Amino acid sequence: SRWNNKRKIYAHIKNLGGEVKYISKIAFREHIYAVEYLVDGVKQTK
């Protein structure tokens, strides 16, 4: 599930036309991730 979640995050950001800077897991028990990425040189976080 961790491998698949990261694969889905990279695919989603790529569809937005962006590049993933880093992914960090926020919650230990739940699968919640903070994603920082660049789209057209603008840093965004989701």
ModelCIF file with pLDDT and N, C-alpha, C, O atoms, coordinates in Angstrom:
data_MODEL
#
_entry.id   MODEL 
#
_entity.id                         1 
_entity.type                       polymer 
_entity.pdbx_number_of_molecules   1 
#
_entity_poly.entity_id                      1 
_entity_poly.type                           'polypeptide(L)' 
_entity_poly.nstd_linkage                   no 
_entity_poly.nstd_monomer                   no 
_entity_poly.pdbx_seq_one_letter_code       SRWNNKRKIYAHIKNLGGEVKYISKIAFREHIYAVEYLVDGVKQTK 
_entity_poly.pdbx_seq_one_letter_code_can   SRWNNKRKIYAHIKNLGGEVKYISKIAFREHIYAVEYLVDGVKQTK 
_entity_poly.pdbx_strand_id                 A 
#
loop_
_entity_poly_seq.entity_id 
_entity_poly_seq.num 
_entity_poly_seq.mon_id 
_entity_poly_seq.hetero 
1 1  SER n 
1 2  ARG n 
1 3  TRP n 
1 4  ASN n 
1 5  ASN n 
1 6  LYS n 
1 7  ARG n 
1 8  LYS n 
1 9  ILE n 
1 10 TYR n 
1 11 ALA n 
1 12 HIS n 
1 13 ILE n 
1 14 LYS n 
1 15 ASN n 
1 16 LEU n 
1 17 GLY n 
1 18 GLY n 
1 19 GLU n 
1 20 VAL n 
1 21 LYS n 
1 22 TYR n 
1 23 ILE n 
1 24 SER n 
1 25 LYS n 
1 26 ILE n 
1 27 ALA n 
1 28 PHE n 
1 29 ARG n 
1 30 GLU n 
1 31 HIS n 
1 32 ILE n 
1 33 TYR n 
1 34 ALA n 
1 35 VAL n 
1 36 GLU n 
1 37 TYR n 
1 38 LEU n 
1 39 VAL n 
1 40 ASP n 
1 41 GLY n 
1 42 VAL n 
1 43 LYS n 
1 44 GLN n 
1 45 THR n 
1 46 LYS n 
#
_struct_asym.id          A 
_struct_asym.entity_id   1 
#
loop_
_ma_qa_metric.id 
_ma_qa_metric.mode 
_ma_qa_metric.name 
_ma_qa_metric.software_group_id 
_ma_qa_metric.type 
1 global pLDDT . pLDDT 
2 local  pLDDT . pLDDT 
#
_ma_qa_metric_global.metric_id      1 
_ma_qa_metric_global.metric_value   92.91 
_ma_qa_metric_global.model_id       1 
_ma_qa_metric_global.ordinal_id     1 
#
loop_
_ma_qa_metric_local.label_asym_id 
_ma_qa_metric_local.label_comp_id 
_ma_qa_metric_local.label_seq_id 
_ma_qa_metric_local.metric_id 
_ma_qa_metric_local.metric_value 
_ma_qa_metric_local.model_id 
_ma_qa_metric_local.ordinal_id 
A SER 1  2 90.00 1 1  
A ARG 2  2 90.00 1 2  
A TRP 3  2 94.00 1 3  
A ASN 4  2 94.00 1 4  
A ASN 5  2 93.00 1 5  
A LYS 6  2 94.00 1 6  
A ARG 7  2 95.00 1 7  
A LYS 8  2 95.00 1 8  
A ILE 9  2 95.00 1 9  
A TYR 10 2 96.00 1 10 
A ALA 11 2 96.00 1 11 
A HIS 12 2 95.00 1 12 
A ILE 13 2 95.00 1 13 
A LYS 14 2 95.00 1 14 
A ASN 15 2 94.00 1 15 
A LEU 16 2 91.00 1 16 
A GLY 17 2 92.00 1 17 
A GLY 18 2 92.00 1 18 
A GLU 19 2 94.00 1 19 
A VAL 20 2 95.00 1 20 
A LYS 21 2 95.00 1 21 
A TYR 22 2 93.00 1 22 
A ILE 23 2 94.00 1 23 
A SER 24 2 94.00 1 24 
A LYS 25 2 91.00 1 25 
A ILE 26 2 92.00 1 26 
A ALA 27 2 87.00 1 27 
A PHE 28 2 79.00 1 28 
A ARG 29 2 83.00 1 29 
A GLU 30 2 87.00 1 30 
A HIS 31 2 91.00 1 31 
A ILE 32 2 94.00 1 32 
A TYR 33 2 96.00 1 33 
A ALA 34 2 96.00 1 34 
A VAL 35 2 96.00 1 35 
A GLU 36 2 96.00 1 36 
A TYR 37 2 96.00 1 37 
A LEU 38 2 95.00 1 38 
A VAL 39 2 93.00 1 39 
A ASP 40 2 90.00 1 40 
A GLY 41 2 89.00 1 41 
A VAL 42 2 93.00 1 42 
A LYS 43 2 95.00 1 43 
A GLN 44 2 94.00 1 44 
A THR 45 2 95.00 1 45 
A LYS 46 2 95.00 1 46 
#
loop_
_atom_site.group_PDB 
_atom_site.id 
_atom_site.type_symbol 
_atom_site.label_atom_id 
_atom_site.label_alt_id 
_atom_site.label_comp_id 
_atom_site.label_asym_id 
_atom_site.label_entity_id 
_atom_site.label_seq_id 
_atom_site.pdbx_PDB_ins_code 
_atom_site.Cartn_x 
_atom_site.Cartn_y 
_atom_site.Cartn_z 
_atom_site.occupancy 
_atom_site.B_iso_or_equiv 
_atom_site.pdbx_formal_charge 
_atom_site.auth_seq_id 
_atom_site.auth_comp_id 
_atom_site.auth_asym_id 
_atom_site.auth_atom_id 
_atom_site.pdbx_PDB_model_num 
ATOM 1   N N  . SER A 1 1  ? 0.826  -1.205 0.000   1.00 90.00 ? 1  SER A N  1 
ATOM 2   C CA . SER A 1 1  ? 0.000  0.000  0.000   1.00 90.00 ? 1  SER A CA 1 
ATOM 3   C C  . SER A 1 1  ? 0.861  1.257  0.000   1.00 90.00 ? 1  SER A C  1 
ATOM 4   O O  . SER A 1 1  ? 0.514  2.230  -0.669  1.00 90.00 ? 1  SER A O  1 
ATOM 5   N N  . ARG A 1 2  ? 1.978  1.266  0.733   1.00 90.00 ? 2  ARG A N  1 
ATOM 6   C CA . ARG A 1 2  ? 2.854  2.441  0.697   1.00 90.00 ? 2  ARG A CA 1 
ATOM 7   C C  . ARG A 1 2  ? 3.459  2.642  -0.687  1.00 90.00 ? 2  ARG A C  1 
ATOM 8   O O  . ARG A 1 2  ? 3.527  3.770  -1.176  1.00 90.00 ? 2  ARG A O  1 
ATOM 9   N N  . TRP A 1 3  ? 3.896  1.561  -1.318  1.00 94.00 ? 3  TRP A N  1 
ATOM 10  C CA . TRP A 1 3  ? 4.461  1.658  -2.666  1.00 94.00 ? 3  TRP A CA 1 
ATOM 11  C C  . TRP A 1 3  ? 3.390  2.150  -3.641  1.00 94.00 ? 3  TRP A C  1 
ATOM 12  O O  . TRP A 1 3  ? 3.661  3.015  -4.474  1.00 94.00 ? 3  TRP A O  1 
ATOM 13  N N  . ASN A 1 4  ? 2.179  1.605  -3.543  1.00 94.00 ? 4  ASN A N  1 
ATOM 14  C CA . ASN A 1 4  ? 1.104  1.975  -4.453  1.00 94.00 ? 4  ASN A CA 1 
ATOM 15  C C  . ASN A 1 4  ? 0.657  3.418  -4.215  1.00 94.00 ? 4  ASN A C  1 
ATOM 16  O O  . ASN A 1 4  ? 0.350  4.126  -5.174  1.00 94.00 ? 4  ASN A O  1 
ATOM 17  N N  . ASN A 1 5  ? 0.613  3.866  -2.964  1.00 93.00 ? 5  ASN A N  1 
ATOM 18  C CA . ASN A 1 5  ? 0.222  5.242  -2.676  1.00 93.00 ? 5  ASN A CA 1 
ATOM 19  C C  . ASN A 1 5  ? 1.202  6.230  -3.295  1.00 93.00 ? 5  ASN A C  1 
ATOM 20  O O  . ASN A 1 5  ? 0.786  7.219  -3.898  1.00 93.00 ? 5  ASN A O  1 
ATOM 21  N N  . LYS A 1 6  ? 2.484  5.974  -3.151  1.00 94.00 ? 6  LYS A N  1 
ATOM 22  C CA . LYS A 1 6  ? 3.471  6.882  -3.740  1.00 94.00 ? 6  LYS A CA 1 
ATOM 23  C C  . LYS A 1 6  ? 3.408  6.861  -5.259  1.00 94.00 ? 6  LYS A C  1 
ATOM 24  O O  . LYS A 1 6  ? 3.604  7.895  -5.897  1.00 94.00 ? 6  LYS A O  1 
ATOM 25  N N  . ARG A 1 7  ? 3.139  5.708  -5.845  1.00 95.00 ? 7  ARG A N  1 
ATOM 26  C CA . ARG A 1 7  ? 2.999  5.617  -7.292  1.00 95.00 ? 7  ARG A CA 1 
ATOM 27  C C  . ARG A 1 7  ? 1.801  6.455  -7.764  1.00 95.00 ? 7  ARG A C  1 
ATOM 28  O O  . ARG A 1 7  ? 1.889  7.142  -8.781  1.00 95.00 ? 7  ARG A O  1 
ATOM 29  N N  . LYS A 1 8  ? 0.688  6.397  -7.028  1.00 95.00 ? 8  LYS A N  1 
ATOM 30  C CA . LYS A 1 8  ? -0.494 7.190  -7.387  1.00 95.00 ? 8  LYS A CA 1 
ATOM 31  C C  . LYS A 1 8  ? -0.239 8.687  -7.228  1.00 95.00 ? 8  LYS A C  1 
ATOM 32  O O  . LYS A 1 8  ? -0.725 9.485  -8.030  1.00 95.00 ? 8  LYS A O  1 
ATOM 33  N N  . ILE A 1 9  ? 0.517  9.073  -6.205  1.00 95.00 ? 9  ILE A N  1 
ATOM 34  C CA . ILE A 1 9  ? 0.832  10.492 -6.003  1.00 95.00 ? 9  ILE A CA 1 
ATOM 35  C C  . ILE A 1 9  ? 1.674  11.008 -7.160  1.00 95.00 ? 9  ILE A C  1 
ATOM 36  O O  . ILE A 1 9  ? 1.380  12.067 -7.715  1.00 95.00 ? 9  ILE A O  1 
ATOM 37  N N  . TYR A 1 10 ? 2.717  10.271 -7.529  1.00 96.00 ? 10 TYR A N  1 
ATOM 38  C CA . TYR A 1 10 ? 3.554  10.698 -8.655  1.00 96.00 ? 10 TYR A CA 1 
ATOM 39  C C  . TYR A 1 10 ? 2.751  10.796 -9.951  1.00 96.00 ? 10 TYR A C  1 
ATOM 40  O O  . TYR A 1 10 ? 2.952  11.726 -10.731 1.00 96.00 ? 10 TYR A O  1 
ATOM 41  N N  . ALA A 1 11 ? 1.848  9.852  -10.188 1.00 96.00 ? 11 ALA A N  1 
ATOM 42  C CA . ALA A 1 11 ? 1.029  9.877  -11.406 1.00 96.00 ? 11 ALA A CA 1 
ATOM 43  C C  . ALA A 1 11 ? 0.091  11.075 -11.409 1.00 96.00 ? 11 ALA A C  1 
ATOM 44  O O  . ALA A 1 11 ? -0.088 11.715 -12.445 1.00 96.00 ? 11 ALA A O  1 
ATOM 45  N N  . HIS A 1 12 ? -0.510 11.387 -10.266 1.00 95.00 ? 12 HIS A N  1 
ATOM 46  C CA . HIS A 1 12 ? -1.446 12.517 -10.181 1.00 95.00 ? 12 HIS A CA 1 
ATOM 47  C C  . HIS A 1 12 ? -0.731 13.838 -10.434 1.00 95.00 ? 12 HIS A C  1 
ATOM 48  O O  . HIS A 1 12 ? -1.230 14.680 -11.180 1.00 95.00 ? 12 HIS A O  1 
ATOM 49  N N  . ILE A 1 13 ? 0.432  14.025 -9.818  1.00 95.00 ? 13 ILE A N  1 
ATOM 50  C CA . ILE A 1 13 ? 1.181  15.268 -10.013 1.00 95.00 ? 13 ILE A CA 1 
ATOM 51  C C  . ILE A 1 13 ? 1.695  15.371 -11.446 1.00 95.00 ? 13 ILE A C  1 
ATOM 52  O O  . ILE A 1 13 ? 1.740  16.465 -12.008 1.00 95.00 ? 13 ILE A O  1 
ATOM 53  N N  . LYS A 1 14 ? 2.077  14.259 -12.036 1.00 95.00 ? 14 LYS A N  1 
ATOM 54  C CA . LYS A 1 14 ? 2.524  14.275 -13.435 1.00 95.00 ? 14 LYS A CA 1 
ATOM 55  C C  . LYS A 1 14 ? 1.378  14.673 -14.360 1.00 95.00 ? 14 LYS A C  1 
ATOM 56  O O  . LYS A 1 14 ? 1.597  15.386 -15.340 1.00 95.00 ? 14 LYS A O  1 
ATOM 57  N N  . ASN A 1 15 ? 0.154  14.222 -14.062 1.00 94.00 ? 15 ASN A N  1 
ATOM 58  C CA . ASN A 1 15 ? -1.005 14.625 -14.867 1.00 94.00 ? 15 ASN A CA 1 
ATOM 59  C C  . ASN A 1 15 ? -1.299 16.109 -14.747 1.00 94.00 ? 15 ASN A C  1 
ATOM 60  O O  . ASN A 1 15 ? -1.850 16.711 -15.668 1.00 94.00 ? 15 ASN A O  1 
ATOM 61  N N  . LEU A 1 16 ? -0.930 16.709 -13.602 1.00 91.00 ? 16 LEU A N  1 
ATOM 62  C CA . LEU A 1 16 ? -1.089 18.153 -13.446 1.00 91.00 ? 16 LEU A CA 1 
ATOM 63  C C  . LEU A 1 16 ? -0.005 18.932 -14.176 1.00 91.00 ? 16 LEU A C  1 
ATOM 64  O O  . LEU A 1 16 ? -0.086 20.154 -14.298 1.00 91.00 ? 16 LEU A O  1 
ATOM 65  N N  . GLY A 1 17 ? 1.004  18.225 -14.659 1.00 92.00 ? 17 GLY A N  1 
ATOM 66  C CA . GLY A 1 17 ? 2.120  18.884 -15.326 1.00 92.00 ? 17 GLY A CA 1 
ATOM 67  C C  . GLY A 1 17 ? 3.187  19.320 -14.348 1.00 92.00 ? 17 GLY A C  1 
ATOM 68  O O  . GLY A 1 17 ? 3.944  20.251 -14.626 1.00 92.00 ? 17 GLY A O  1 
ATOM 69  N N  . GLY A 1 18 ? 3.258  18.662 -13.210 1.00 92.00 ? 18 GLY A N  1 
ATOM 70  C CA . GLY A 1 18 ? 4.204  19.065 -12.175 1.00 92.00 ? 18 GLY A CA 1 
ATOM 71  C C  . GLY A 1 18 ? 5.271  18.027 -11.909 1.00 92.00 ? 18 GLY A C  1 
ATOM 72  O O  . GLY A 1 18 ? 5.337  16.977 -12.549 1.00 92.00 ? 18 GLY A O  1 
ATOM 73  N N  . GLU A 1 19 ? 6.105  18.361 -10.939 1.00 94.00 ? 19 GLU A N  1 
ATOM 74  C CA . GLU A 1 19 ? 7.216  17.499 -10.538 1.00 94.00 ? 19 GLU A CA 1 
ATOM 75  C C  . GLU A 1 19 ? 7.214  17.431 -9.015  1.00 94.00 ? 19 GLU A C  1 
ATOM 76  O O  . GLU A 1 19 ? 7.184  18.463 -8.345  1.00 94.00 ? 19 GLU A O  1 
ATOM 77  N N  . VAL A 1 20 ? 7.244  16.233 -8.473  1.00 95.00 ? 20 VAL A N  1 
ATOM 78  C CA . VAL A 1 20 ? 7.208  16.035 -7.025  1.00 95.00 ? 20 VAL A CA 1 
ATOM 79  C C  . VAL A 1 20 ? 8.562  16.387 -6.429  1.00 95.00 ? 20 VAL A C  1 
ATOM 80  O O  . VAL A 1 20 ? 9.594  15.902 -6.893  1.00 95.00 ? 20 VAL A O  1 
ATOM 81  N N  . LYS A 1 21 ? 8.561  17.239 -5.394  1.00 95.00 ? 21 LYS A N  1 
ATOM 82  C CA . LYS A 1 21 ? 9.786  17.577 -4.675  1.00 95.00 ? 21 LYS A CA 1 
ATOM 83  C C  . LYS A 1 21 ? 10.010 16.588 -3.535  1.00 95.00 ? 21 LYS A C  1 
ATOM 84  O O  . LYS A 1 21 ? 11.088 16.004 -3.423  1.00 95.00 ? 21 LYS A O  1 
ATOM 85  N N  . TYR A 1 22 ? 9.000  16.397 -2.691  1.00 93.00 ? 22 TYR A N  1 
ATOM 86  C CA . TYR A 1 22 ? 9.115  15.389 -1.635  1.00 93.00 ? 22 TYR A CA 1 
ATOM 87  C C  . TYR A 1 22 ? 7.729  14.954 -1.159  1.00 93.00 ? 22 TYR A C  1 
ATOM 88  O O  . TYR A 1 22 ? 6.739  15.667 -1.323  1.00 93.00 ? 22 TYR A O  1 
ATOM 89  N N  . ILE A 1 23 ? 7.696  13.778 -0.574  1.00 94.00 ? 23 ILE A N  1 
ATOM 90  C CA . ILE A 1 23 ? 6.478  13.204 0.001   1.00 94.00 ? 23 ILE A CA 1 
ATOM 91  C C  . ILE A 1 23 ? 6.818  12.803 1.423   1.00 94.00 ? 23 ILE A C  1 
ATOM 92  O O  . ILE A 1 23 ? 7.796  12.093 1.657   1.00 94.00 ? 23 ILE A O  1 
ATOM 93  N N  . SER A 1 24 ? 6.010  13.255 2.374   1.00 94.00 ? 24 SER A N  1 
ATOM 94  C CA . SER A 1 24 ? 6.235  12.837 3.756   1.00 94.00 ? 24 SER A CA 1 
ATOM 95  C C  . SER A 1 24 ? 4.931  12.311 4.338   1.00 94.00 ? 24 SER A C  1 
ATOM 96  O O  . SER A 1 24 ? 3.859  12.867 4.097   1.00 94.00 ? 24 SER A O  1 
ATOM 97  N N  . LYS A 1 25 ? 5.036  11.243 5.099   1.00 91.00 ? 25 LYS A N  1 
ATOM 98  C CA . LYS A 1 25 ? 3.864  10.638 5.726   1.00 91.00 ? 25 LYS A CA 1 
ATOM 99  C C  . LYS A 1 25 ? 3.565  11.403 7.003   1.00 91.00 ? 25 LYS A C  1 
ATOM 100 O O  . LYS A 1 25 ? 4.449  11.584 7.840   1.00 91.00 ? 25 LYS A O  1 
ATOM 101 N N  . ILE A 1 26 ? 2.326  11.855 7.159   1.00 92.00 ? 26 ILE A N  1 
ATOM 102 C CA . ILE A 1 26 ? 1.953  12.675 8.305   1.00 92.00 ? 26 ILE A CA 1 
ATOM 103 C C  . ILE A 1 26 ? 1.498  11.811 9.482   1.00 92.00 ? 26 ILE A C  1 
ATOM 104 O O  . ILE A 1 26 ? 1.951  12.007 10.610  1.00 92.00 ? 26 ILE A O  1 
ATOM 105 N N  . ALA A 1 27 ? 0.615  10.868 9.223   1.00 87.00 ? 27 ALA A N  1 
ATOM 106 C CA . ALA A 1 27 ? 0.028  10.068 10.296  1.00 87.00 ? 27 ALA A CA 1 
ATOM 107 C C  . ALA A 1 27 ? 0.626  8.667  10.299  1.00 87.00 ? 27 ALA A C  1 
ATOM 108 O O  . ALA A 1 27 ? 0.883  8.085  9.246   1.00 87.00 ? 27 ALA A O  1 
ATOM 109 N N  . PHE A 1 28 ? 0.842  8.134  11.502  1.00 79.00 ? 28 PHE A N  1 
ATOM 110 C CA . PHE A 1 28 ? 1.422  6.798  11.619  1.00 79.00 ? 28 PHE A CA 1 
ATOM 111 C C  . PHE A 1 28 ? 0.400  5.718  11.290  1.00 79.00 ? 28 PHE A C  1 
ATOM 112 O O  . PHE A 1 28 ? 0.717  4.770  10.572  1.00 79.00 ? 28 PHE A O  1 
ATOM 113 N N  . ARG A 1 29 ? -0.812 5.843  11.798  1.00 83.00 ? 29 ARG A N  1 
ATOM 114 C CA . ARG A 1 29 ? -1.812 4.787  11.629  1.00 83.00 ? 29 ARG A CA 1 
ATOM 115 C C  . ARG A 1 29 ? -2.600 4.922  10.330  1.00 83.00 ? 29 ARG A C  1 
ATOM 116 O O  . ARG A 1 29 ? -3.013 3.921  9.744   1.00 83.00 ? 29 ARG A O  1 
ATOM 117 N N  . GLU A 1 30 ? -2.805 6.148  9.884   1.00 87.00 ? 30 GLU A N  1 
ATOM 118 C CA . GLU A 1 30 ? -3.558 6.361  8.657   1.00 87.00 ? 30 GLU A CA 1 
ATOM 119 C C  . GLU A 1 30 ? -2.588 6.680  7.522   1.00 87.00 ? 30 GLU A C  1 
ATOM 120 O O  . GLU A 1 30 ? -1.449 7.084  7.755   1.00 87.00 ? 30 GLU A O  1 
ATOM 121 N N  . HIS A 1 31 ? -3.053 6.492  6.308   1.00 91.00 ? 31 HIS A N  1 
ATOM 122 C CA . HIS A 1 31 ? -2.221 6.766  5.141   1.00 91.00 ? 31 HIS A CA 1 
ATOM 123 C C  . HIS A 1 31 ? -2.497 8.187  4.656   1.00 91.00 ? 31 HIS A C  1 
ATOM 124 O O  . HIS A 1 31 ? -3.233 8.399  3.692   1.00 91.00 ? 31 HIS A O  1 
ATOM 125 N N  . ILE A 1 32 ? -1.891 9.156  5.343   1.00 94.00 ? 32 ILE A N  1 
ATOM 126 C CA . ILE A 1 32 ? -2.027 10.572 5.008   1.00 94.00 ? 32 ILE A CA 1 
ATOM 127 C C  . ILE A 1 32 ? -0.633 11.104 4.689   1.00 94.00 ? 32 ILE A C  1 
ATOM 128 O O  . ILE A 1 32 ? 0.298  10.948 5.480   1.00 94.00 ? 32 ILE A O  1 
ATOM 129 N N  . TYR A 1 33 ? -0.500 11.732 3.528   1.00 96.00 ? 33 TYR A N  1 
ATOM 130 C CA . TYR A 1 33 ? 0.796  12.217 3.065   1.00 96.00 ? 33 TYR A CA 1 
ATOM 131 C C  . TYR A 1 33 ? 0.718  13.709 2.764   1.00 96.00 ? 33 TYR A C  1 
ATOM 132 O O  . TYR A 1 33 ? -0.309 14.204 2.300   1.00 96.00 ? 33 TYR A O  1 
ATOM 133 N N  . ALA A 1 34 ? 1.813  14.424 3.029   1.00 96.00 ? 34 ALA A N  1 
ATOM 134 C CA . ALA A 1 34 ? 1.989  15.804 2.597   1.00 96.00 ? 34 ALA A CA 1 
ATOM 135 C C  . ALA A 1 34 ? 2.889  15.762 1.373   1.00 96.00 ? 34 ALA A C  1 
ATOM 136 O O  . ALA A 1 34 ? 3.958  15.153 1.394   1.00 96.00 ? 34 ALA A O  1 
ATOM 137 N N  . VAL A 1 35 ? 2.448  16.414 0.311   1.00 96.00 ? 35 VAL A N  1 
ATOM 138 C CA . VAL A 1 35 ? 3.169  16.374 -0.964  1.00 96.00 ? 35 VAL A CA 1 
ATOM 139 C C  . VAL A 1 35 ? 3.548  17.795 -1.350  1.00 96.00 ? 35 VAL A C  1 
ATOM 140 O O  . VAL A 1 35 ? 2.691  18.675 -1.429  1.00 96.00 ? 35 VAL A O  1 
ATOM 141 N N  . GLU A 1 36 ? 4.822  18.012 -1.586  1.00 96.00 ? 36 GLU A N  1 
ATOM 142 C CA . GLU A 1 36 ? 5.292  19.291 -2.102  1.00 96.00 ? 36 GLU A CA 1 
ATOM 143 C C  . GLU A 1 36 ? 5.746  19.062 -3.531  1.00 96.00 ? 36 GLU A C  1 
ATOM 144 O O  . GLU A 1 36 ? 6.501  18.134 -3.819  1.00 96.00 ? 36 GLU A O  1 
ATOM 145 N N  . TYR A 1 37 ? 5.268  19.931 -4.431  1.00 96.00 ? 37 TYR A N  1 
ATOM 146 C CA . TYR A 1 37 ? 5.571  19.753 -5.848  1.00 96.00 ? 37 TYR A CA 1 
ATOM 147 C C  . TYR A 1 37 ? 5.671  21.093 -6.546  1.00 96.00 ? 37 TYR A C  1 
ATOM 148 O O  . TYR A 1 37 ? 5.245  22.121 -6.018  1.00 96.00 ? 37 TYR A O  1 
ATOM 149 N N  . LEU A 1 38 ? 6.239  21.068 -7.739  1.00 95.00 ? 38 LEU A N  1 
ATOM 150 C CA . LEU A 1 38 ? 6.392  22.266 -8.558  1.00 95.00 ? 38 LEU A CA 1 
ATOM 151 C C  . LEU A 1 38 ? 5.538  22.148 -9.810  1.00 95.00 ? 38 LEU A C  1 
ATOM 152 O O  . LEU A 1 38 ? 5.551  21.122 -10.490 1.00 95.00 ? 38 LEU A O  1 
ATOM 153 N N  . VAL A 1 39 ? 4.799  23.205 -10.104 1.00 93.00 ? 39 VAL A N  1 
ATOM 154 C CA . VAL A 1 39 ? 4.061  23.306 -11.361 1.00 93.00 ? 39 VAL A CA 1 
ATOM 155 C C  . VAL A 1 39 ? 4.435  24.652 -11.967 1.00 93.00 ? 39 VAL A C  1 
ATOM 156 O O  . VAL A 1 39 ? 4.143  25.702 -11.392 1.00 93.00 ? 39 VAL A O  1 
ATOM 157 N N  . ASP A 1 40 ? 5.073  24.619 -13.117 1.00 90.00 ? 40 ASP A N  1 
ATOM 158 C CA . ASP A 1 40 ? 5.537  25.836 -13.805 1.00 90.00 ? 40 ASP A CA 1 
ATOM 159 C C  . ASP A 1 40 ? 6.440  26.671 -12.900 1.00 90.00 ? 40 ASP A C  1 
ATOM 160 O O  . ASP A 1 40 ? 6.373  27.900 -12.926 1.00 90.00 ? 40 ASP A O  1 
ATOM 161 N N  . GLY A 1 41 ? 7.277  26.022 -12.106 1.00 89.00 ? 41 GLY A N  1 
ATOM 162 C CA . GLY A 1 41 ? 8.210  26.722 -11.242 1.00 89.00 ? 41 GLY A CA 1 
ATOM 163 C C  . GLY A 1 41 ? 7.613  27.257 -9.958  1.00 89.00 ? 41 GLY A C  1 
ATOM 164 O O  . GLY A 1 41 ? 8.320  27.892 -9.176  1.00 89.00 ? 41 GLY A O  1 
ATOM 165 N N  . VAL A 1 42 ? 6.328  27.021 -9.713  1.00 93.00 ? 42 VAL A N  1 
ATOM 166 C CA . VAL A 1 42 ? 5.663  27.499 -8.505  1.00 93.00 ? 42 VAL A CA 1 
ATOM 167 C C  . VAL A 1 42 ? 5.526  26.333 -7.530  1.00 93.00 ? 42 VAL A C  1 
ATOM 168 O O  . VAL A 1 42 ? 4.979  25.284 -7.871  1.00 93.00 ? 42 VAL A O  1 
ATOM 169 N N  . LYS A 1 43 ? 6.033  26.533 -6.308  1.00 95.00 ? 43 LYS A N  1 
ATOM 170 C CA . LYS A 1 43 ? 5.962  25.490 -5.297  1.00 95.00 ? 43 LYS A CA 1 
ATOM 171 C C  . LYS A 1 43 ? 4.571  25.435 -4.692  1.00 95.00 ? 43 LYS A C  1 
ATOM 172 O O  . LYS A 1 43 ? 4.025  26.456 -4.274  1.00 95.00 ? 43 LYS A O  1 
ATOM 173 N N  . GLN A 1 44 ? 3.999  24.236 -4.648  1.00 94.00 ? 44 GLN A N  1 
ATOM 174 C CA . GLN A 1 44 ? 2.674  24.042 -4.066  1.00 94.00 ? 44 GLN A CA 1 
ATOM 175 C C  . GLN A 1 44 ? 2.718  22.861 -3.113  1.00 94.00 ? 44 GLN A C  1 
ATOM 176 O O  . GLN A 1 44 ? 3.560  21.973 -3.251  1.00 94.00 ? 44 GLN A O  1 
ATOM 177 N N  . THR A 1 45 ? 1.816  22.852 -2.151  1.00 95.00 ? 45 THR A N  1 
ATOM 178 C CA . THR A 1 45 ? 1.736  21.770 -1.178  1.00 95.00 ? 45 THR A CA 1 
ATOM 179 C C  . THR A 1 45 ? 0.298  21.303 -1.072  1.00 95.00 ? 45 THR A C  1 
ATOM 180 O O  . THR A 1 45 ? -0.621 22.117 -0.979  1.00 95.00 ? 45 THR A O  1 
ATOM 181 N N  . LYS A 1 46 ? 0.103  20.001 -1.087  1.00 95.00 ? 46 LYS A N  1 
ATOM 182 C CA . LYS A 1 46 ? -1.219 19.410 -0.912  1.00 95.00 ? 46 LYS A CA 1 
ATOM 183 C C  . LYS A 1 46 ? -1.115 18.248 0.054   1.00 95.00 ? 46 LYS A C  1 
ATOM 184 O O  . LYS A 1 46 ? -2.118 17.599 0.349   1.00 95.00 ? 46 LYS A O  1 
#
